[in-house]
Amino acid sequence: MISFFLSISLGICFLMLFSLYRTVFGPTVLDRLIGVNAIGSKTVVLLLLIGFLYERIDMFVDIALAYAFLNFIAVLAASRYFHKRKGLYEESFMD
């Protein structure tokens, strides 16, 4: 059973690379926000899988819930900030 949870964790880490690519090379700020949110969601699942691996799921559920709440609040705050700046849909680099 440990090898199953470990292989699922490695698969999720591999899938996080796609979200990381979207976060770094996203054409718009909205794409980057979605990439960061997807990485945060996958991190919550990874925390739960780590809890299964260490057989301390009760402790890791609390950590995962706190992380999910912080991720949700951070993405909401960032999206509200960029929406107020009117820069949510276009890319602006400071050259």
PDB file of N, CA and C in Angstrom:
ATOM      1  N   MET A   1       0.820  -1.194   0.000  1.00  0.00           N
ATOM      2  CA  MET A   1       0.000   0.000   0.000  1.00  0.00           C
ATOM      3  C   MET A   1       0.863   1.257   0.000  1.00  0.00           C
ATOM      4  N   ILE A   2       2.022   1.169   0.647  1.00  0.00           N
ATOM      5  CA  ILE A   2       2.913   2.330   0.678  1.00  0.00           C
ATOM      6  C   ILE A   2       3.417   2.659  -0.717  1.00  0.00           C
ATOM      7  N   SER A   3       3.718   1.644  -1.501  1.00  0.00           N
ATOM      8  CA  SER A   3       4.196   1.895  -2.864  1.00  0.00           C
ATOM      9  C   SER A   3       3.106   2.527  -3.720  1.00  0.00           C
ATOM     10  N   PHE A   4       1.852   2.183  -3.456  1.00  0.00           N
ATOM     11  CA  PHE A   4       0.747   2.798  -4.193  1.00  0.00           C
ATOM     12  C   PHE A   4       0.672   4.292  -3.897  1.00  0.00           C
ATOM     13  N   PHE A   5       0.697   4.667  -2.601  1.00  0.00           N
ATOM     14  CA  PHE A   5       0.628   6.082  -2.243  1.00  0.00           C
ATOM     15  C   PHE A   5       1.862   6.838  -2.740  1.00  0.00           C
ATOM     16  N   LEU A   6       2.999   6.186  -2.728  1.00  0.00           N
ATOM     17  CA  LEU A   6       4.217   6.827  -3.206  1.00  0.00           C
ATOM     18  C   LEU A   6       4.163   7.057  -4.713  1.00  0.00           C
ATOM     19  N   SER A   7       3.651   6.093  -5.453  1.00  0.00           N
ATOM     20  CA  SER A   7       3.552   6.265  -6.909  1.00  0.00           C
ATOM     21  C   SER A   7       2.511   7.320  -7.265  1.00  0.00           C
ATOM     22  N   ILE A   8       1.421   7.381  -6.532  1.00  0.00           N
ATOM     23  CA  ILE A   8       0.419   8.428  -6.774  1.00  0.00           C
ATOM     24  C   ILE A   8       1.016   9.802  -6.465  1.00  0.00           C
ATOM     25  N   SER A   9       1.797   9.895  -5.401  1.00  0.00           N
ATOM     26  CA  SER A   9       2.438  11.162  -5.047  1.00  0.00           C
ATOM     27  C   SER A   9       3.415  11.612  -6.120  1.00  0.00           C
ATOM     28  N   LEU A  10       4.183  10.682  -6.636  1.00  0.00           N
ATOM     29  CA  LEU A  10       5.110  11.038  -7.711  1.00  0.00           C
ATOM     30  C   LEU A  10       4.370  11.447  -8.979  1.00  0.00           C
ATOM     31  N   GLY A  11       3.246  10.815  -9.255  1.00  0.00           N
ATOM     32  CA  GLY A  11       2.432  11.212 -10.406  1.00  0.00           C
ATOM     33  C   GLY A  11       1.872  12.612 -10.245  1.00  0.00           C
ATOM     34  N   ILE A  12       1.441  12.954  -9.054  1.00  0.00           N
ATOM     35  CA  ILE A  12       0.927  14.301  -8.811  1.00  0.00           C
ATOM     36  C   ILE A  12       2.045  15.330  -8.928  1.00  0.00           C
ATOM     37  N   CYS A  13       3.231  14.975  -8.445  1.00  0.00           N
ATOM     38  CA  CYS A  13       4.378  15.882  -8.597  1.00  0.00           C
ATOM     39  C   CYS A  13       4.700  16.109 -10.071  1.00  0.00           C
ATOM     40  N   PHE A  14       4.581  15.062 -10.878  1.00  0.00           N
ATOM     41  CA  PHE A  14       4.794  15.213 -12.311  1.00  0.00           C
ATOM     42  C   PHE A  14       3.733  16.118 -12.929  1.00  0.00           C
ATOM     43  N   LEU A  15       2.486  15.957 -12.505  1.00  0.00           N
ATOM     44  CA  LEU A  15       1.421  16.807 -13.034  1.00  0.00           C
ATOM     45  C   LEU A  15       1.564  18.267 -12.589  1.00  0.00           C
ATOM     46  N   MET A  16       2.219  18.472 -11.460  1.00  0.00           N
ATOM     47  CA  MET A  16       2.454  19.840 -11.003  1.00  0.00           C
ATOM     48  C   MET A  16       3.406  20.586 -11.932  1.00  0.00           C
ATOM     49  N   LEU A  17       4.216  19.872 -12.674  1.00  0.00           N
ATOM     50  CA  LEU A  17       5.123  20.524 -13.613  1.00  0.00           C
ATOM     51  C   LEU A  17       4.351  21.263 -14.707  1.00  0.00           C
ATOM     52  N   PHE A  18       3.208  20.725 -15.139  1.00  0.00           N
ATOM     53  CA  PHE A  18       2.393  21.408 -16.134  1.00  0.00           C
ATOM     54  C   PHE A  18       1.827  22.711 -15.591  1.00  0.00           C
ATOM     55  N   SER A  19       1.388  22.682 -14.338  1.00  0.00           N
ATOM     56  CA  SER A  19       0.890  23.899 -13.715  1.00  0.00           C
ATOM     57  C   SER A  19       2.018  24.904 -13.495  1.00  0.00           C
ATOM     58  N   LEU A  20       3.195  24.402 -13.167  1.00  0.00           N
ATOM     59  CA  LEU A  20       4.341  25.285 -12.992  1.00  0.00           C
ATOM     60  C   LEU A  20       4.714  25.948 -14.314  1.00  0.00           C
ATOM     61  N   TYR A  21       4.629  25.203 -15.406  1.00  0.00           N
ATOM     62  CA  TYR A  21       4.894  25.783 -16.724  1.00  0.00           C
ATOM     63  C   TYR A  21       3.901  26.902 -17.021  1.00  0.00           C
ATOM     64  N   ARG A  22       2.619  26.665 -16.713  1.00  0.00           N
ATOM     65  CA  ARG A  22       1.602  27.682 -16.956  1.00  0.00           C
ATOM     66  C   ARG A  22       1.821  28.898 -16.059  1.00  0.00           C
ATOM     67  N   THR A  23       2.314  28.669 -14.864  1.00  0.00           N
ATOM     68  CA  THR A  23       2.558  29.774 -13.943  1.00  0.00           C
ATOM     69  C   THR A  23       3.731  30.629 -14.413  1.00  0.00           C
ATOM     70  N   VAL A  24       4.774  30.010 -14.894  1.00  0.00           N
ATOM     71  CA  VAL A  24       5.962  30.760 -15.293  1.00  0.00           C
ATOM     72  C   VAL A  24       5.785  31.396 -16.664  1.00  0.00           C
ATOM     73  N   PHE A  25       5.241  30.655 -17.625  1.00  0.00           N
ATOM     74  CA  PHE A  25       5.170  31.136 -18.997  1.00  0.00           C
ATOM     75  C   PHE A  25       3.764  31.504 -19.440  1.00  0.00           C
ATOM     76  N   GLY A  26       2.861  31.743 -18.493  1.00  0.00           N
ATOM     77  CA  GLY A  26       1.489  32.085 -18.852  1.00  0.00           C
ATOM     78  C   GLY A  26       1.421  33.373 -19.638  1.00  0.00           C
ATOM     79  N   PRO A  27       0.607  33.409 -20.677  1.00  0.00           N
ATOM     80  CA  PRO A  27       0.548  34.645 -21.458  1.00  0.00           C
ATOM     81  C   PRO A  27      -0.138  35.788 -20.706  1.00  0.00           C
ATOM     82  N   THR A  28      -1.024  35.480 -19.773  1.00  0.00           N
ATOM     83  CA  THR A  28      -1.699  36.539 -19.026  1.00  0.00           C
ATOM     84  C   THR A  28      -1.549  36.298 -17.530  1.00  0.00           C
ATOM     85  N   VAL A  29      -1.881  37.322 -16.776  1.00  0.00           N
ATOM     86  CA  VAL A  29      -1.842  37.207 -15.318  1.00  0.00           C
ATOM     87  C   VAL A  29      -2.884  36.202 -14.842  1.00  0.00           C
ATOM     88  N   LEU A  30      -4.011  36.133 -15.512  1.00  0.00           N
ATOM     89  CA  LEU A  30      -5.060  35.190 -15.144  1.00  0.00           C
ATOM     90  C   LEU A  30      -4.581  33.745 -15.274  1.00  0.00           C
ATOM     91  N   ASP A  31      -3.833  33.454 -16.334  1.00  0.00           N
ATOM     92  CA  ASP A  31      -3.263  32.110 -16.486  1.00  0.00           C
ATOM     93  C   ASP A  31      -2.300  31.789 -15.356  1.00  0.00           C
ATOM     94  N   ARG A  32      -1.537  32.767 -14.941  1.00  0.00           N
ATOM     95  CA  ARG A  32      -0.587  32.544 -13.845  1.00  0.00           C
ATOM     96  C   ARG A  32      -1.302  32.323 -12.529  1.00  0.00           C
ATOM     97  N   LEU A  33      -2.378  33.058 -12.297  1.00  0.00           N
ATOM     98  CA  LEU A  33      -3.158  32.849 -11.073  1.00  0.00           C
ATOM     99  C   LEU A  33      -3.784  31.462 -11.043  1.00  0.00           C
ATOM    100  N   ILE A  34      -4.285  31.015 -12.168  1.00  0.00           N
ATOM    101  CA  ILE A  34      -4.875  29.683 -12.239  1.00  0.00           C
ATOM    102  C   ILE A  34      -3.804  28.615 -12.025  1.00  0.00           C
ATOM    103  N   GLY A  35      -2.607  28.836 -12.565  1.00  0.00           N
ATOM    104  CA  GLY A  35      -1.515  27.894 -12.354  1.00  0.00           C
ATOM    105  C   GLY A  35      -1.107  27.805 -10.893  1.00  0.00           C
ATOM    106  N   VAL A  36      -1.037  28.945 -10.223  1.00  0.00           N
ATOM    107  CA  VAL A  36      -0.687  28.949  -8.800  1.00  0.00           C
ATOM    108  C   VAL A  36      -1.770  28.255  -7.986  1.00  0.00           C
ATOM    109  N   ASN A  37      -3.025  28.490  -8.326  1.00  0.00           N
ATOM    110  CA  ASN A  37      -4.120  27.842  -7.614  1.00  0.00           C
ATOM    111  C   ASN A  37      -4.097  26.326  -7.829  1.00  0.00           C
ATOM    112  N   ALA A  38      -3.782  25.893  -9.030  1.00  0.00           N
ATOM    113  CA  ALA A  38      -3.705  24.452  -9.300  1.00  0.00           C
ATOM    114  C   ALA A  38      -2.552  23.810  -8.532  1.00  0.00           C
ATOM    115  N   ILE A  39      -1.421  24.508  -8.446  1.00  0.00           N
ATOM    116  CA  ILE A  39      -0.300  23.980  -7.664  1.00  0.00           C
ATOM    117  C   ILE A  39      -0.694  23.863  -6.197  1.00  0.00           C
ATOM    118  N   GLY A  40      -1.398  24.863  -5.681  1.00  0.00           N
ATOM    119  CA  GLY A  40      -1.841  24.810  -4.289  1.00  0.00           C
ATOM    120  C   GLY A  40      -2.810  23.676  -4.024  1.00  0.00           C
ATOM    121  N   SER A  41      -3.714  23.431  -4.965  1.00  0.00           N
ATOM    122  CA  SER A  41      -4.668  22.334  -4.797  1.00  0.00           C
ATOM    123  C   SER A  41      -3.978  20.979  -4.817  1.00  0.00           C
ATOM    124  N   LYS A  42      -3.015  20.827  -5.706  1.00  0.00           N
ATOM    125  CA  LYS A  42      -2.277  19.563  -5.758  1.00  0.00           C
ATOM    126  C   LYS A  42      -1.400  19.379  -4.525  1.00  0.00           C
ATOM    127  N   THR A  43      -0.929  20.480  -3.956  1.00  0.00           N
ATOM    128  CA  THR A  43      -0.140  20.397  -2.731  1.00  0.00           C
ATOM    129  C   THR A  43      -0.988  19.897  -1.567  1.00  0.00           C
ATOM    130  N   VAL A  44      -2.247  20.295  -1.527  1.00  0.00           N
ATOM    131  CA  VAL A  44      -3.153  19.809  -0.480  1.00  0.00           C
ATOM    132  C   VAL A  44      -3.316  18.295  -0.593  1.00  0.00           C
ATOM    133  N   VAL A  45      -3.470  17.799  -1.800  1.00  0.00           N
ATOM    134  CA  VAL A  45      -3.592  16.352  -2.000  1.00  0.00           C
ATOM    135  C   VAL A  45      -2.294  15.652  -1.615  1.00  0.00           C
ATOM    136  N   LEU A  46      -1.157  16.263  -1.950  1.00  0.00           N
ATOM    137  CA  LEU A  46       0.123  15.672  -1.563  1.00  0.00           C
ATOM    138  C   LEU A  46       0.277  15.621  -0.049  1.00  0.00           C
ATOM    139  N   LEU A  47      -0.166  16.641   0.651  1.00  0.00           N
ATOM    140  CA  LEU A  47      -0.108  16.619   2.115  1.00  0.00           C
ATOM    141  C   LEU A  47      -0.931  15.469   2.686  1.00  0.00           C
ATOM    142  N   LEU A  48      -2.091  15.234   2.101  1.00  0.00           N
ATOM    143  CA  LEU A  48      -2.915  14.117   2.567  1.00  0.00           C
ATOM    144  C   LEU A  48      -2.254  12.772   2.274  1.00  0.00           C
ATOM    145  N   LEU A  49      -1.623  12.656   1.120  1.00  0.00           N
ATOM    146  CA  LEU A  49      -0.919  11.409   0.804  1.00  0.00           C
ATOM    147  C   LEU A  49       0.276  11.193   1.726  1.00  0.00           C
ATOM    148  N   ILE A  50       0.951  12.263   2.096  1.00  0.00           N
ATOM    149  CA  ILE A  50       2.050  12.144   3.061  1.00  0.00           C
ATOM    150  C   ILE A  50       1.506  11.676   4.406  1.00  0.00           C
ATOM    151  N   GLY A  51       0.317  12.157   4.764  1.00  0.00           N
ATOM    152  CA  GLY A  51      -0.316  11.687   5.989  1.00  0.00           C
ATOM    153  C   GLY A  51      -0.600  10.201   5.958  1.00  0.00           C
ATOM    154  N   PHE A  52      -1.024   9.696   4.797  1.00  0.00           N
ATOM    155  CA  PHE A  52      -1.234   8.251   4.669  1.00  0.00           C
ATOM    156  C   PHE A  52       0.082   7.490   4.757  1.00  0.00           C
ATOM    157  N   LEU A  53       1.130   8.052   4.164  1.00  0.00           N
ATOM    158  CA  LEU A  53       2.423   7.363   4.192  1.00  0.00           C
ATOM    159  C   LEU A  53       2.982   7.271   5.606  1.00  0.00           C
ATOM    160  N   TYR A  54       2.839   8.330   6.380  1.00  0.00           N
ATOM    161  CA  TYR A  54       3.352   8.325   7.754  1.00  0.00           C
ATOM    162  C   TYR A  54       2.337   7.789   8.771  1.00  0.00           C
ATOM    163  N   GLU A  55       1.170   7.407   8.290  1.00  0.00           N
ATOM    164  CA  GLU A  55       0.087   6.889   9.132  1.00  0.00           C
ATOM    165  C   GLU A  55      -0.305   7.877  10.235  1.00  0.00           C
ATOM    166  N   ARG A  56      -0.303   9.151   9.895  1.00  0.00           N
ATOM    167  CA  ARG A  56      -0.721  10.231  10.797  1.00  0.00           C
ATOM    168  C   ARG A  56      -1.686  11.142  10.050  1.00  0.00           C
ATOM    169  N   ILE A  57      -2.722  10.560   9.477  1.00  0.00           N
ATOM    170  CA  ILE A  57      -3.634  11.316   8.638  1.00  0.00           C
ATOM    171  C   ILE A  57      -4.353  12.406   9.431  1.00  0.00           C
ATOM    172  N   ASP A  58      -4.586  12.183  10.731  1.00  0.00           N
ATOM    173  CA  ASP A  58      -5.292  13.179  11.535  1.00  0.00           C
ATOM    174  C   ASP A  58      -4.514  14.489  11.628  1.00  0.00           C
ATOM    175  N   MET A  59      -3.207  14.409  11.747  1.00  0.00           N
ATOM    176  CA  MET A  59      -2.398  15.612  11.827  1.00  0.00           C
ATOM    177  C   MET A  59      -2.297  16.305  10.464  1.00  0.00           C
ATOM    178  N   PHE A  60      -2.125  15.524   9.408  1.00  0.00           N
ATOM    179  CA  PHE A  60      -1.931  16.108   8.088  1.00  0.00           C
ATOM    180  C   PHE A  60      -3.224  16.660   7.498  1.00  0.00           C
ATOM    181  N   VAL A  61      -4.368  16.191   7.946  1.00  0.00           N
ATOM    182  CA  VAL A  61      -5.630  16.781   7.482  1.00  0.00           C
ATOM    183  C   VAL A  61      -5.743  18.222   7.972  1.00  0.00           C
ATOM    184  N   ASP A  62      -5.346  18.464   9.205  1.00  0.00           N
ATOM    185  CA  ASP A  62      -5.381  19.826   9.732  1.00  0.00           C
ATOM    186  C   ASP A  62      -4.435  20.743   8.966  1.00  0.00           C
ATOM    187  N   ILE A  63      -3.248  20.240   8.678  1.00  0.00           N
ATOM    188  CA  ILE A  63      -2.276  21.038   7.924  1.00  0.00           C
ATOM    189  C   ILE A  63      -2.788  21.303   6.513  1.00  0.00           C
ATOM    190  N   ALA A  64      -3.372  20.286   5.878  1.00  0.00           N
ATOM    191  CA  ALA A  64      -3.883  20.438   4.518  1.00  0.00           C
ATOM    192  C   ALA A  64      -5.047  21.425   4.472  1.00  0.00           C
ATOM    193  N   LEU A  65      -5.931  21.379   5.458  1.00  0.00           N
ATOM    194  CA  LEU A  65      -7.040  22.338   5.493  1.00  0.00           C
ATOM    195  C   LEU A  65      -6.549  23.767   5.679  1.00  0.00           C
ATOM    196  N   ALA A  66      -5.579  23.956   6.553  1.00  0.00           N
ATOM    197  CA  ALA A  66      -5.025  25.293   6.755  1.00  0.00           C
ATOM    198  C   ALA A  66      -4.346  25.792   5.478  1.00  0.00           C
ATOM    199  N   TYR A  67      -3.601  24.921   4.814  1.00  0.00           N
ATOM    200  CA  TYR A  67      -2.933  25.315   3.574  1.00  0.00           C
ATOM    201  C   TYR A  67      -3.951  25.626   2.478  1.00  0.00           C
ATOM    202  N   ALA A  68      -5.006  24.842   2.383  1.00  0.00           N
ATOM    203  CA  ALA A  68      -6.032  25.096   1.372  1.00  0.00           C
ATOM    204  C   ALA A  68      -6.720  26.435   1.620  1.00  0.00           C
ATOM    205  N   PHE A  69      -6.986  26.746   2.874  1.00  0.00           N
ATOM    206  CA  PHE A  69      -7.610  28.025   3.206  1.00  0.00           C
ATOM    207  C   PHE A  69      -6.689  29.190   2.850  1.00  0.00           C
ATOM    208  N   LEU A  70      -5.415  29.083   3.194  1.00  0.00           N
ATOM    209  CA  LEU A  70      -4.464  30.147   2.863  1.00  0.00           C
ATOM    210  C   LEU A  70      -4.293  30.300   1.352  1.00  0.00           C
ATOM    211  N   ASN A  71      -4.278  29.196   0.628  1.00  0.00           N
ATOM    212  CA  ASN A  71      -4.171  29.249  -0.824  1.00  0.00           C
ATOM    213  C   ASN A  71      -5.390  29.936  -1.431  1.00  0.00           C
ATOM    214  N   PHE A  72      -6.558  29.605  -0.935  1.00  0.00           N
ATOM    215  CA  PHE A  72      -7.790  30.212  -1.440  1.00  0.00           C
ATOM    216  C   PHE A  72      -7.802  31.720  -1.198  1.00  0.00           C
ATOM    217  N   ILE A  73      -7.443  32.134   0.009  1.00  0.00           N
ATOM    218  CA  ILE A  73      -7.434  33.559   0.350  1.00  0.00           C
ATOM    219  C   ILE A  73      -6.386  34.305  -0.476  1.00  0.00           C
ATOM    220  N   ALA A  74      -5.216  33.703  -0.663  1.00  0.00           N
ATOM    221  CA  ALA A  74      -4.152  34.356  -1.429  1.00  0.00           C
ATOM    222  C   ALA A  74      -4.540  34.548  -2.890  1.00  0.00           C
ATOM    223  N   VAL A  75      -5.158  33.547  -3.488  1.00  0.00           N
ATOM    224  CA  VAL A  75      -5.569  33.668  -4.888  1.00  0.00           C
ATOM    225  C   VAL A  75      -6.699  34.686  -5.026  1.00  0.00           C
ATOM    226  N   LEU A  76      -7.623  34.708  -4.076  1.00  0.00           N
ATOM    227  CA  LEU A  76      -8.675  35.724  -4.116  1.00  0.00           C
ATOM    228  C   LEU A  76      -8.105  37.131  -3.979  1.00  0.00           C
ATOM    229  N   ALA A  77      -7.170  37.310  -3.071  1.00  0.00           N
ATOM    230  CA  ALA A  77      -6.571  38.628  -2.876  1.00  0.00           C
ATOM    231  C   ALA A  77      -5.789  39.069  -4.113  1.00  0.00           C
ATOM    232  N   ALA A  78      -5.034  38.153  -4.697  1.00  0.00           N
ATOM    233  CA  ALA A  78      -4.261  38.501  -5.890  1.00  0.00           C
ATOM    234  C   ALA A  78      -5.172  38.807  -7.069  1.00  0.00           C
ATOM    235  N   SER A  79      -6.235  38.037  -7.243  1.00  0.00           N
ATOM    236  CA  SER A  79      -7.137  38.300  -8.358  1.00  0.00           C
ATOM    237  C   SER A  79      -7.891  39.612  -8.164  1.00  0.00           C
ATOM    238  N   ARG A  80      -8.247  39.930  -6.939  1.00  0.00           N
ATOM    239  CA  ARG A  80      -8.905  41.210  -6.678  1.00  0.00           C
ATOM    240  C   ARG A  80      -7.949  42.377  -6.924  1.00  0.00           C
ATOM    241  N   TYR A  81      -6.692  42.202  -6.534  1.00  0.00           N
ATOM    242  CA  TYR A  81      -5.696  43.238  -6.753  1.00  0.00           C
ATOM    243  C   TYR A  81      -5.507  43.497  -8.248  1.00  0.00           C
ATOM    244  N   PHE A  82      -5.333  42.435  -9.027  1.00  0.00           N
ATOM    245  CA  PHE A  82      -5.117  42.618 -10.456  1.00  0.00           C
ATOM    246  C   PHE A  82      -6.387  43.073 -11.162  1.00  0.00           C
ATOM    247  N   HIS A  83      -7.541  42.723 -10.651  1.00  0.00           N
ATOM    248  CA  HIS A  83      -8.787  43.206 -11.237  1.00  0.00           C
ATOM    249  C   HIS A  83      -8.931  44.709 -11.015  1.00  0.00           C
ATOM    250  N   LYS A  84      -8.556  45.198  -9.844  1.00  0.00           N
ATOM    251  CA  LYS A  84      -8.606  46.633  -9.565  1.00  0.00           C
ATOM    252  C   LYS A  84      -7.593  47.399 -10.404  1.00  0.00           C
ATOM    253  N   ARG A  85      -6.452  46.768 -10.681  1.00  0.00           N
ATOM    254  CA  ARG A  85      -5.429  47.408 -11.510  1.00  0.00           C
ATOM    255  C   ARG A  85      -5.785  47.354 -12.987  1.00  0.00           C
ATOM    256  N   LYS A  86      -6.807  46.644 -13.353  1.00  0.00           N
ATOM    257  CA  LYS A  86      -7.201  46.425 -14.753  1.00  0.00           C
ATOM    258  C   LYS A  86      -6.103  45.712 -15.537  1.00  0.00           C
ATOM    259  N   GLY A  87      -5.345  44.877 -14.859  1.00  0.00           N
ATOM    260  CA  GLY A  87      -4.271  44.160 -15.528  1.00  0.00           C
ATOM    261  C   GLY A  87      -4.458  42.666 -15.482  1.00  0.00           C
ATOM    262  N   LEU A  88      -5.686  42.217 -15.311  1.00  0.00           N
ATOM    263  CA  LEU A  88      -5.925  40.789 -15.163  1.00  0.00           C
ATOM    264  C   LEU A  88      -5.865  40.052 -16.493  1.00  0.00           C
ATOM    265  N   TYR A  89      -6.186  40.718 -17.579  1.00  0.00           N
ATOM    266  CA  TYR A  89      -6.284  40.032 -18.859  1.00  0.00           C
ATOM    267  C   TYR A  89      -5.175  40.374 -19.841  1.00  0.00           C
ATOM    268  N   GLU A  90      -4.354  41.349 -19.537  1.00  0.00           N
ATOM    269  CA  GLU A  90      -3.245  41.648 -20.437  1.00  0.00           C
ATOM    270  C   GLU A  90      -1.933  41.555 -19.673  1.00  0.00           C
ATOM    271  N   GLU A  91      -0.912  41.241 -20.392  1.00  0.00           N
ATOM    272  CA  GLU A  91       0.413  41.069 -19.799  1.00  0.00           C
ATOM    273  C   GLU A  91       1.138  42.405 -19.850  1.00  0.00           C
ATOM    274  N   SER A  92       1.736  42.776 -18.741  1.00  0.00           N
ATOM    275  CA  SER A  92       2.512  44.018 -18.721  1.00  0.00           C
ATOM    276  C   SER A  92       3.843  43.752 -18.046  1.00  0.00           C
ATOM    277  N   PHE A  93       4.896  43.882 -18.821  1.00  0.00           N
ATOM    278  CA  PHE A  93       6.246  43.721 -18.299  1.00  0.00           C
ATOM    279  C   PHE A  93       6.887  45.083 -18.156  1.00  0.00           C
ATOM    280  N   MET A  94       7.654  45.202 -17.106  1.00  0.00           N
ATOM    281  CA  MET A  94       8.402  46.440 -16.897  1.00  0.00           C
ATOM    282  C   MET A  94       9.763  46.264 -17.563  1.00  0.00           C
ATOM    283  N   ASP A  95       9.975  46.892 -18.692  1.00  0.00           N
ATOM    284  CA  ASP A  95      11.260  46.767 -19.413  1.00  0.00           C
ATOM    285  C   ASP A  95      12.159  47.930 -19.102  1.00  0.00           C
TER     286      ASP A  95
END
